[in-house]
C-alpha atoms as a PDB file:
ATOM      1  CA  MET A   1      46.553 116.489  66.612  1.00  0.00           C
ATOM      2  CA  LEU A   2      47.353 113.070  65.031  1.00  0.00           C
ATOM      3  CA  PHE A   3      49.666 114.214  62.039  1.00  0.00           C
ATOM      4  CA  GLU A   4      51.881 117.233  61.675  1.00  0.00           C
ATOM      5  CA  ARG A   5      50.331 117.748  57.986  1.00  0.00           C
ATOM      6  CA  ILE A   6      47.706 116.007  55.688  1.00  0.00           C
ATOM      7  CA  GLN A   7      46.474 115.931  52.251  1.00  0.00           C
ATOM      8  CA  VAL A   8      42.891 116.002  51.327  1.00  0.00           C
ATOM      9  CA  TRP A   9      40.882 114.868  48.280  1.00  0.00           C
ATOM     10  CA  ARG A  10      37.175 115.801  48.221  1.00  0.00           C
ATOM     11  CA  ASP A  11      36.804 113.416  45.375  1.00  0.00           C
ATOM     12  CA  ARG A  12      33.598 114.984  43.730  1.00  0.00           C
ATOM     13  CA  GLU A  13      32.813 112.274  41.380  1.00  0.00           C
ATOM     14  CA  LEU A  14      30.184 109.734  41.755  1.00  0.00           C
ATOM     15  CA  ARG A  15      31.623 106.073  41.373  1.00  0.00           C
ATOM     16  CA  SER A  16      30.439 102.655  41.605  1.00  0.00           C
ATOM     17  CA  GLY A  17      31.431 100.348  44.486  1.00  0.00           C
ATOM     18  CA  PRO A  18      34.182  98.638  42.427  1.00  0.00           C
ATOM     19  CA  GLU A  19      35.739 101.833  41.161  1.00  0.00           C
ATOM     20  CA  ASN A  20      35.953 103.272  45.073  1.00  0.00           C
ATOM     21  CA  MET A  21      37.727 100.324  46.452  1.00  0.00           C
ATOM     22  CA  ALA A  22      40.198 100.203  43.313  1.00  0.00           C
ATOM     23  CA  ILE A  23      41.017 103.864  44.046  1.00  0.00           C
ATOM     24  CA  ASP A  24      41.527 103.137  47.768  1.00  0.00           C
ATOM     25  CA  GLN A  25      43.786 100.212  47.287  1.00  0.00           C
ATOM     26  CA  TRP A  26      45.773 102.544  44.494  1.00  0.00           C
ATOM     27  CA  LEU A  27      46.224 105.084  47.457  1.00  0.00           C
ATOM     28  CA  ILE A  28      47.700 103.239  49.972  1.00  0.00           C
ATOM     29  CA  GLU A  29      50.070 101.470  47.069  1.00  0.00           C
ATOM     30  CA  ASN A  30      50.927 105.122  45.958  1.00  0.00           C
ATOM     31  CA  LEU A  31      51.264 106.624  49.199  1.00  0.00           C
ATOM     32  CA  GLY A  32      54.069 108.791  50.054  1.00  0.00           C
ATOM     33  CA  GLU A  33      55.396 110.248  53.458  1.00  0.00           C
ATOM     34  CA  VAL A  34      52.360 112.287  53.839  1.00  0.00           C
ATOM     35  CA  PRO A  35      48.702 111.117  54.811  1.00  0.00           C
ATOM     36  CA  VAL A  36      45.938 111.117  52.660  1.00  0.00           C
ATOM     37  CA  LEU A  37      42.304 111.746  53.808  1.00  0.00           C
ATOM     38  CA  ARG A  38      39.949 110.912  50.823  1.00  0.00           C
ATOM     39  CA  ILE A  39      35.974 111.721  51.302  1.00  0.00           C
ATOM     40  CA  TYR A  40      34.021 110.500  48.718  1.00  0.00           C
ATOM     41  CA  GLU A  41      30.499 109.408  47.453  1.00  0.00           C
ATOM     42  CA  TRP A  42      28.863 106.351  45.715  1.00  0.00           C
ATOM     43  CA  ARG A  43      27.259 106.191  42.265  1.00  0.00           C
ATOM     44  CA  GLY A  44      24.261 104.001  42.894  1.00  0.00           C
ATOM     45  CA  ASP A  45      22.904 101.782  45.979  1.00  0.00           C
ATOM     46  CA  TRP A  46      25.982  99.941  47.319  1.00  0.00           C
ATOM     47  CA  VAL A  47      26.757  97.693  50.223  1.00  0.00           C
ATOM     48  CA  SER A  48      30.320  96.735  50.804  1.00  0.00           C
ATOM     49  CA  LEU A  49      31.271  93.759  52.986  1.00  0.00           C
ATOM     50  CA  GLY A  50      34.535  92.951  54.942  1.00  0.00           C
ATOM     51  CA  TYR A  51      37.295  90.734  53.529  1.00  0.00           C
ATOM     52  CA  PHE A  52      35.863  88.243  55.728  1.00  0.00           C
ATOM     53  CA  GLN A  53      32.270  88.682  55.755  1.00  0.00           C
ATOM     54  CA  SER A  54      29.943  86.362  53.935  1.00  0.00           C
ATOM     55  CA  LEU A  55      28.181  87.054  50.671  1.00  0.00           C
ATOM     56  CA  ALA A  56      24.906  85.225  51.453  1.00  0.00           C
ATOM     57  CA  GLU A  57      24.935  86.933  54.848  1.00  0.00           C
ATOM     58  CA  ALA A  58      24.701  90.182  53.220  1.00  0.00           C
ATOM     59  CA  ARG A  59      22.449  89.572  51.004  1.00  0.00           C
ATOM     60  CA  ARG A  60      19.902  88.105  53.732  1.00  0.00           C
ATOM     61  CA  ILE A  61      20.095  91.173  55.650  1.00  0.00           C
ATOM     62  CA  PHE A  62      20.262  93.687  53.095  1.00  0.00           C
ATOM     63  CA  GLY A  63      18.062  91.753  50.088  1.00  0.00           C
ATOM     64  CA  ASN A  64      18.904  91.748  46.307  1.00  0.00           C
ATOM     65  CA  GLU A  65      17.831  95.634  45.597  1.00  0.00           C
ATOM     66  CA  PRO A  66      21.262  97.031  46.092  1.00  0.00           C
ATOM     67  CA  GLU A  67      24.780  95.882  44.512  1.00  0.00           C
ATOM     68  CA  TYR A  68      27.345  94.627  46.706  1.00  0.00           C
ATOM     69  CA  VAL A  69      31.230  94.783  46.733  1.00  0.00           C
ATOM     70  CA  ARG A  70      34.158  93.298  48.697  1.00  0.00           C
ATOM     71  CA  ARG A  71      36.371  95.699  50.675  1.00  0.00           C
ATOM     72  CA  TRP A  72      40.528  94.767  50.822  1.00  0.00           C
ATOM     73  CA  THR A  73      39.992  96.097  54.483  1.00  0.00           C
ATOM     74  CA  GLY A  74      38.502  94.294  57.538  1.00  0.00           C
ATOM     75  CA  GLY A  75      35.426  95.317  59.632  1.00  0.00           C
ATOM     76  CA  GLY A  76      31.359  94.250  59.119  1.00  0.00           C
ATOM     77  CA  ILE A  77      28.711  94.731  56.160  1.00  0.00           C
ATOM     78  CA  VAL A  78      28.085  98.202  55.325  1.00  0.00           C
ATOM     79  CA  ASP A  79      25.006  99.807  53.878  1.00  0.00           C
ATOM     80  CA  HIS A  80      26.153 103.001  51.783  1.00  0.00           C
ATOM     81  CA  ARG A  81      22.979 104.283  51.118  1.00  0.00           C
ATOM     82  CA  GLY A  82      22.911 107.424  53.160  1.00  0.00           C
ATOM     83  CA  ASP A  83      25.804 107.571  54.772  1.00  0.00           C
ATOM     84  CA  GLN A  84      29.295 109.225  54.264  1.00  0.00           C
ATOM     85  CA  THR A  85      32.373 107.846  53.569  1.00  0.00           C
ATOM     86  CA  TYR A  86      36.027 108.445  53.654  1.00  0.00           C
ATOM     87  CA  THR A  87      39.153 106.656  53.714  1.00  0.00           C
ATOM     88  CA  LEU A  88      42.294 107.507  55.754  1.00  0.00           C
ATOM     89  CA  ALA A  89      45.655 106.485  53.965  1.00  0.00           C
ATOM     90  CA  ILE A  90      48.610 106.724  56.679  1.00  0.00           C
ATOM     91  CA  PRO A  91      52.417 106.108  55.719  1.00  0.00           C
ATOM     92  CA  ARG A  92      54.271 103.330  58.187  1.00  0.00           C
ATOM     93  CA  SER A  93      56.931 105.656  58.759  1.00  0.00           C
ATOM     94  CA  LEU A  94      54.339 107.657  61.136  1.00  0.00           C
ATOM     95  CA  LYS A  95      53.780 106.774  64.873  1.00  0.00           C
ATOM     96  CA  LEU A  96      50.216 106.129  63.990  1.00  0.00           C
ATOM     97  CA  ALA A  97      51.061 103.345  61.614  1.00  0.00           C
ATOM     98  CA  SER A  98      52.996 101.336  64.092  1.00  0.00           C
ATOM     99  CA  ALA A  99      50.119 101.078  66.725  1.00  0.00           C
ATOM    100  CA  ARG A 100      47.874  98.459  67.509  1.00  0.00           C
ATOM    101  CA  GLY A 101      45.215  98.188  65.398  1.00  0.00           C
ATOM    102  CA  GLY A 102      42.767  99.074  68.154  1.00  0.00           C
ATOM    103  CA  GLU A 103      44.786 101.959  69.561  1.00  0.00           C
ATOM    104  CA  SER A 104      44.809 103.187  65.505  1.00  0.00           C
ATOM    105  CA  TYR A 105      41.239 102.859  65.200  1.00  0.00           C
ATOM    106  CA  ALA A 106      40.684 104.709  68.388  1.00  0.00           C
ATOM    107  CA  ALA A 107      42.795 107.634  67.946  1.00  0.00           C
ATOM    108  CA  ILE A 108      40.935 108.090  64.236  1.00  0.00           C
ATOM    109  CA  HIS A 109      37.638 107.899  65.745  1.00  0.00           C
ATOM    110  CA  ARG A 110      38.381 110.324  68.912  1.00  0.00           C
ATOM    111  CA  GLU A 111      39.224 112.921  66.406  1.00  0.00           C
ATOM    112  CA  LEU A 112      35.998 112.211  64.414  1.00  0.00           C
ATOM    113  CA  ALA A 113      34.211 112.401  67.481  1.00  0.00           C
ATOM    114  CA  LYS A 114      35.545 116.107  68.458  1.00  0.00           C
ATOM    115  CA  CYS A 115      34.216 117.305  64.061  1.00  0.00           C
ATOM    116  CA  LEU A 116      30.623 115.916  64.828  1.00  0.00           C
ATOM    117  CA  ARG A 117      30.881 117.438  68.317  1.00  0.00           C
ATOM    118  CA  GLU A 118      31.651 120.748  66.243  1.00  0.00           C
ATOM    119  CA  ARG A 119      28.616 120.071  64.089  1.00  0.00           C
ATOM    120  CA  GLY A 120      26.248 119.478  66.935  1.00  0.00           C
ATOM    121  CA  LEU A 121      26.056 115.827  66.935  1.00  0.00           C
ATOM    122  CA  SER A 122      26.411 114.121  70.592  1.00  0.00           C
ATOM    123  CA  CYS A 123      28.658 110.933  70.173  1.00  0.00           C
ATOM    124  CA  GLN A 124      31.162 108.796  72.396  1.00  0.00           C
ATOM    125  CA  LEU A 125      33.480 106.029  71.871  1.00  0.00           C
ATOM    126  CA  ALA A 126      32.332 102.424  72.734  1.00  0.00           C
ATOM    127  CA  GLU A 127      34.091 100.838  74.990  1.00  0.00           C
ATOM    128  CA  ARG A 128      33.686  97.202  74.636  1.00  0.00           C
ATOM    129  CA  ASP A 129      32.745  94.865  71.895  1.00  0.00           C
ATOM    130  CA  SER A 130      28.357  94.659  71.694  1.00  0.00           C
ATOM    131  CA  GLN A 131      27.315  91.436  73.079  1.00  0.00           C
ATOM    132  CA  ARG A 132      24.867  91.744  70.112  1.00  0.00           C
ATOM    133  CA  GLU A 133      25.315  89.090  67.155  1.00  0.00           C
ATOM    134  CA  SER A 134      24.886  90.799  63.896  1.00  0.00           C
ATOM    135  CA  ALA A 135      27.199  90.847  60.879  1.00  0.00           C
ATOM    136  CA  ALA A 136      25.694  94.357  59.689  1.00  0.00           C
ATOM    137  CA  CYS A 137      28.285  97.083  60.675  1.00  0.00           C
ATOM    138  CA  PHE A 138      25.749  99.426  62.355  1.00  0.00           C
ATOM    139  CA  GLU A 139      23.378  96.945  63.854  1.00  0.00           C
ATOM    140  CA  LYS A 140      27.080  95.584  66.144  1.00  0.00           C
ATOM    141  CA  PRO A 141      29.436  98.294  67.567  1.00  0.00           C
ATOM    142  CA  VAL A 142      32.490  96.862  68.460  1.00  0.00           C
ATOM    143  CA  ALA A 143      35.033  98.761  70.938  1.00  0.00           C
ATOM    144  CA  TRP A 144      36.398 102.371  69.165  1.00  0.00           C
ATOM    145  CA  ASP A 145      33.403 102.440  67.317  1.00  0.00           C
ATOM    146  CA  LEU A 146      31.427 105.788  67.827  1.00  0.00           C
ATOM    147  CA  LEU A 147      27.732 105.539  69.077  1.00  0.00           C
ATOM    148  CA  GLU A 148      25.325 108.204  69.472  1.00  0.00           C
ATOM    149  CA  CYS A 149      23.773 109.032  72.775  1.00  0.00           C
ATOM    150  CA  GLY A 150      21.226 107.003  73.043  1.00  0.00           C
ATOM    151  CA  GLY A 151      23.558 103.983  72.201  1.00  0.00           C
ATOM    152  CA  GLY A 152      23.247 103.397  67.953  1.00  0.00           C
ATOM    153  CA  LYS A 153      25.984 103.032  66.028  1.00  0.00           C
ATOM    154  CA  LEU A 154      27.342 106.560  64.618  1.00  0.00           C
ATOM    155  CA  ALA A 155      30.308 105.348  62.694  1.00  0.00           C
ATOM    156  CA  GLY A 156      32.233 102.645  62.162  1.00  0.00           C
ATOM    157  CA  ALA A 157      35.664 101.156  60.077  1.00  0.00           C
ATOM    158  CA  GLY A 158      37.944  98.833  58.386  1.00  0.00           C
ATOM    159  CA  GLN A 159      41.674  98.797  58.691  1.00  0.00           C
ATOM    160  CA  ARG A 160      44.257  96.950  56.539  1.00  0.00           C
ATOM    161  CA  ARG A 161      47.967  96.974  56.903  1.00  0.00           C
ATOM    162  CA  THR A 162      50.496  97.138  54.118  1.00  0.00           C
ATOM    163  CA  ARG A 163      54.307  97.627  53.670  1.00  0.00           C
ATOM    164  CA  ARG A 164      53.404 100.906  52.780  1.00  0.00           C
ATOM    165  CA  GLY A 165      51.131 101.784  55.979  1.00  0.00           C
ATOM    166  CA  ILE A 166      47.561 101.526  56.907  1.00  0.00           C
ATOM    167  CA  LEU A 167      44.304 102.021  54.643  1.00  0.00           C
ATOM    168  CA  HIS A 168      41.451 103.114  57.351  1.00  0.00           C
ATOM    169  CA  GLN A 169      37.929 102.955  55.433  1.00  0.00           C
ATOM    170  CA  GLY A 170      35.310 104.350  57.456  1.00  0.00           C
ATOM    171  CA  SER A 171      31.476 105.130  57.132  1.00  0.00           C
ATOM    172  CA  VAL A 172      29.700 107.887  59.193  1.00  0.00           C
ATOM    173  CA  SER A 173      26.102 107.362  59.398  1.00  0.00           C
ATOM    174  CA  VAL A 174      25.345 111.251  59.023  1.00  0.00           C
ATOM    175  CA  SER A 175      24.169 113.417  56.176  1.00  0.00           C
ATOM    176  CA  LYS A 176      26.022 114.865  53.200  1.00  0.00           C
ATOM    177  CA  GLY A 177      28.734 117.595  54.259  1.00  0.00           C
ATOM    178  CA  LEU A 178      29.413 116.920  58.215  1.00  0.00           C
ATOM    179  CA  LEU A 179      32.866 115.824  57.099  1.00  0.00           C
ATOM    180  CA  ASP A 180      33.692 119.002  55.308  1.00  0.00           C
ATOM    181  CA  ASP A 181      36.386 120.186  57.940  1.00  0.00           C
ATOM    182  CA  LEU A 182      37.282 116.595  59.326  1.00  0.00           C
ATOM    183  CA  GLU A 183      41.265 117.454  58.386  1.00  0.00           C
ATOM    184  CA  ASP A 184      40.810 120.401  60.564  1.00  0.00           C
ATOM    185  CA  PHE A 185      40.854 117.622  63.633  1.00  0.00           C
ATOM    186  CA  LEU A 186      43.474 115.114  62.468  1.00  0.00           C
ATOM    187  CA  SER A 187      45.975 118.094  61.774  1.00  0.00           C
ATOM    188  CA  ASP A 188      46.988 121.681  61.671  1.00  0.00           C
ATOM    189  CA  ARG A 189      47.900 121.828  58.272  1.00  0.00           C
ATOM    190  CA  SER A 190      46.248 120.783  55.605  1.00  0.00           C
ATOM    191  CA  GLU A 191      47.064 120.658  51.871  1.00  0.00           C
ATOM    192  CA  VAL A 192      45.212 119.549  48.550  1.00  0.00           C
ATOM    193  CA  PHE A 193      45.544 116.385  47.205  1.00  0.00           C
ATOM    194  CA  SER A 194      45.717 116.163  43.531  1.00  0.00           C
ATOM    195  CA  PRO A 195      45.531 112.837  42.111  1.00  0.00           C
ATOM    196  CA  GLY A 196      47.225 113.694  38.687  1.00  0.00           C
ATOM    197  CA  GLU A 197      46.847 111.080  36.182  1.00  0.00           C
ATOM    198  CA  MET A 198      46.090 108.502  38.524  1.00  0.00           C
ATOM    199  CA  ARG A 199      47.771 105.668  36.179  1.00  0.00           C
ATOM    200  CA  GLY A 200      47.254 102.233  37.210  1.00  0.00           C
ATOM    201  CA  TRP A 201      43.915 102.191  39.372  1.00  0.00           C
ATOM    202  CA  GLU A 202      41.588 101.381  36.353  1.00  0.00           C
ATOM    203  CA  GLY A 203      43.633  98.278  36.036  1.00  0.00           C
ATOM    204  CA  LYS A 204      42.533  97.313  40.010  1.00  0.00           C
ATOM    205  CA  VAL A 205      38.805  98.020  39.290  1.00  0.00           C
ATOM    206  CA  GLU A 206      38.381  94.334  37.699  1.00  0.00           C
ATOM    207  CA  ARG A 207      39.328  92.577  40.813  1.00  0.00           C
ATOM    208  CA  TYR A 208      36.713  94.277  42.818  1.00  0.00           C
ATOM    209  CA  ARG A 209      34.191  93.477  40.163  1.00  0.00           C
ATOM    210  CA  SER A 210      34.894  90.265  40.005  1.00  0.00           C
ATOM    211  CA  ALA A 211      32.403  87.619  40.697  1.00  0.00           C
ATOM    212  CA  ASP A 212      35.288  85.384  42.837  1.00  0.00           C
ATOM    213  CA  TRP A 213      36.570  88.112  44.610  1.00  0.00           C
ATOM    214  CA  LEU A 214      32.943  88.713  46.191  1.00  0.00           C
ATOM    215  CA  ALA A 215      32.042  85.615  46.106  1.00  0.00           C
ATOM    216  CA  ARG A 216      35.165  84.571  47.994  1.00  0.00           C
ATOM    217  CA  VAL A 217      33.088  84.051  51.426  1.00  0.00           C
ATOM    218  CA  LEU A 218      29.774  82.993  50.630  1.00  0.00           C
END
């Protein structure tokens, strides 16, 4: 198990891309000493871009039909129309938060793989970056992504380190409900996370709605 205990937030409210990104930023900025797992969905058709990804490239791949939002984390361009998404906020005081990026990425995906195998999905961790050139996250597996038995990418993620800890935003190409017991593979002890009034997250939404933020890399 990665953590002694974990708090779990199954966010049942459908939210826009900017709202989801704002809440994730709020989570890491207000994190206590217990990691938080948030499992959530999207209102509408959204594609998210990693912090350094090109908006023009995203539109070239996915066209003008979906709406676009830029993440605070790294990683590729992710189509959220049909995936399951989760966020893991890890306090800086925990051992995993001091691990190198690849090590923390691999550790989380190992537990995710156990969860999916328990649900009957065969998968394995990628040992190296794919040689294929593509900015689309699920077209170019990188080391420690999860792969289906046929080699197709099943899960990827982006991370950002802050003074509070690690923000890990993950996407899994599975049907709804298959992540429902993910916390059981991350920790022996889970408890419900109560966001309370969540003061301050709304003020972060404008950042992710901003045309300047979205187009920071054209």
